[in-house]
Amino acid sequence: MKYHIGVVSLGCAKNLVDTETMLGLLDQEGFAITNNEQLADVLIVNTCGFIESAKQESIDNILELAQYKEAGKCKLLVVTGCMAERYKDEILKEMPEVDAVVGTGHYHEIVRVINDAFTGIKVQKYGNPHYTPDEGLPRIQSTPRYTAYLKIADGCDNRCTYCIIPALRGKYRSRTIGNITAEAKRLAAKGVKELIIIAQDTTRYGIDLYGEYKLGDLLNELCVIEGIKWIRLHYCYPENITDALIDTIAAQPKICKYLDIPIQHSHDYILKRMGRKTTGEKLRMLIHKIRNKIPEVSVRTSIIVGFPGETDEHFEDLEAFVRYIRFDKMGVFKYSQEEDTPAAQFEEQVSDAQKQIRYEKLMNLQSSVSRAMNGDKVNRRFEVLVEGYNQKSRRFYGRTCADSIDIDGKVFFTANHDLQPGTFVDVVITKAEEYDLIGECLNESC
């Protein structure tokens, strides 16, 4: 009998790549993949356990899918990923509908887990977060065919005081340059044109394997792969962004002039309590250097407000830093007091009300910065990756090299002819909105 499998993937892009590998392994063994949860014999939730809101989203999805055991065909409900690693016993105890719990170091065993669960066993696989599966495992891409994530390492050695990831994902483990480029070539052969480079910390790449940072060397290898047009970097921790790496990004035309640099804060006291290995002044100098060497660069960051001990003075420093730097893109998160992390035990925890006030202040500030920076793009010409057509606005939409999939803004533009997703066109910007841009296609094919 061919069982149908439905999967919900939550959390970060790194988790999504694990999901795609599970799908590939299941497909290889003859399971059928379905997007219709009512038709699925097996439902899998690949969970996130990073912060409280992510855990709640995971729980909500598990409970929602559990209903298909009565309302659909579901015979097995499997929970995988970070929350499964962190709360393996609690999940089976509190959610009897769950048939199997699979931690971060065992997702490659998903076929065996499902086969064992069909015998009536409550399966638990966890406690091996440092394990790295074999290279070359099958993978079914869930992103649009022209864009794919390329995970170059797993785990983390940074030990930030607010973060549980090292305990859930293990120590930092780089893949070899050869294995990464081999996967990139396979993706290019399938039609991928944009590679998004991911790891918990991409700038740390290679230090464990080669004794030195090798991200620049890896990027140079990826740039020669035929068919790849854009290479985008995510999760670049600031302390490991070297001059050589900046020079590589500046010199290589395939590398998007886009850097995702999670700074988290600007005040030295808070950075030290967070376990970050930098200072506010070093961050200012780094961003100035990047913008001087790569004038067209788009800098994205993420920031935490309400960290234990953050006073009004510390927040005002952060607010002034954001106003001065003018990040192209910025995500703001309210500090989540996560058990089993050092920061959870810190005194001077900030109230939820104060976190919300500071969150709104920074988001309002960034909104005005974003609108002004988008305004500077009016009457300029940009290359756009076409993603689709919006029936409501009667416009095509896509992204520039300065916008990453799912997290950044889009360009909505008119064209006289049909355009296929995955193609590139030139668009002149005619109007700027808070986060999105409006324009007109300039190509003859439009």
Foldseek 3Di string as FASTA:
>chain_A
DAFEEEEDEDDDQVSVQLVQLLVLLSVVVRHHYDNDLQRGQEYEYAADDKFDVRVVVSVVVQVVSLCSVPVHNHDAYEYEHQVLQVCVPVCCVVPVSHQEGYAPQCSNVVVVRVVVSVVVHRYYHYDPLVHDDDFPRTGDAPPPLQEDEQEFWEADDLQFQQTPGCVRNPYIGGDDLVRRLVVLLVSLVSQHAEYEYDYQAQLCHPCVPPVDGCSLVSVVSNLVRPNHQAYEYARHEQVSCDPSNLVSLLPRNRYQLEYEYAPQFADQVVCVNRSHDDHNVSVVVSLVVSCVSRVVHAYEYEYEPQQAPCDPVRLVVRLVSCLVSLHLHYHYHYRGLDPPGNSVPDPRGGDPVVSVVSNVVNVVSNLVSNQVVQVVQAQPKFKFQWAAADPVVRWTKTDGSHDDPPRAEIETEDDPDDDDGGDIFMWHFHDTDSGYTYTYTDDPND
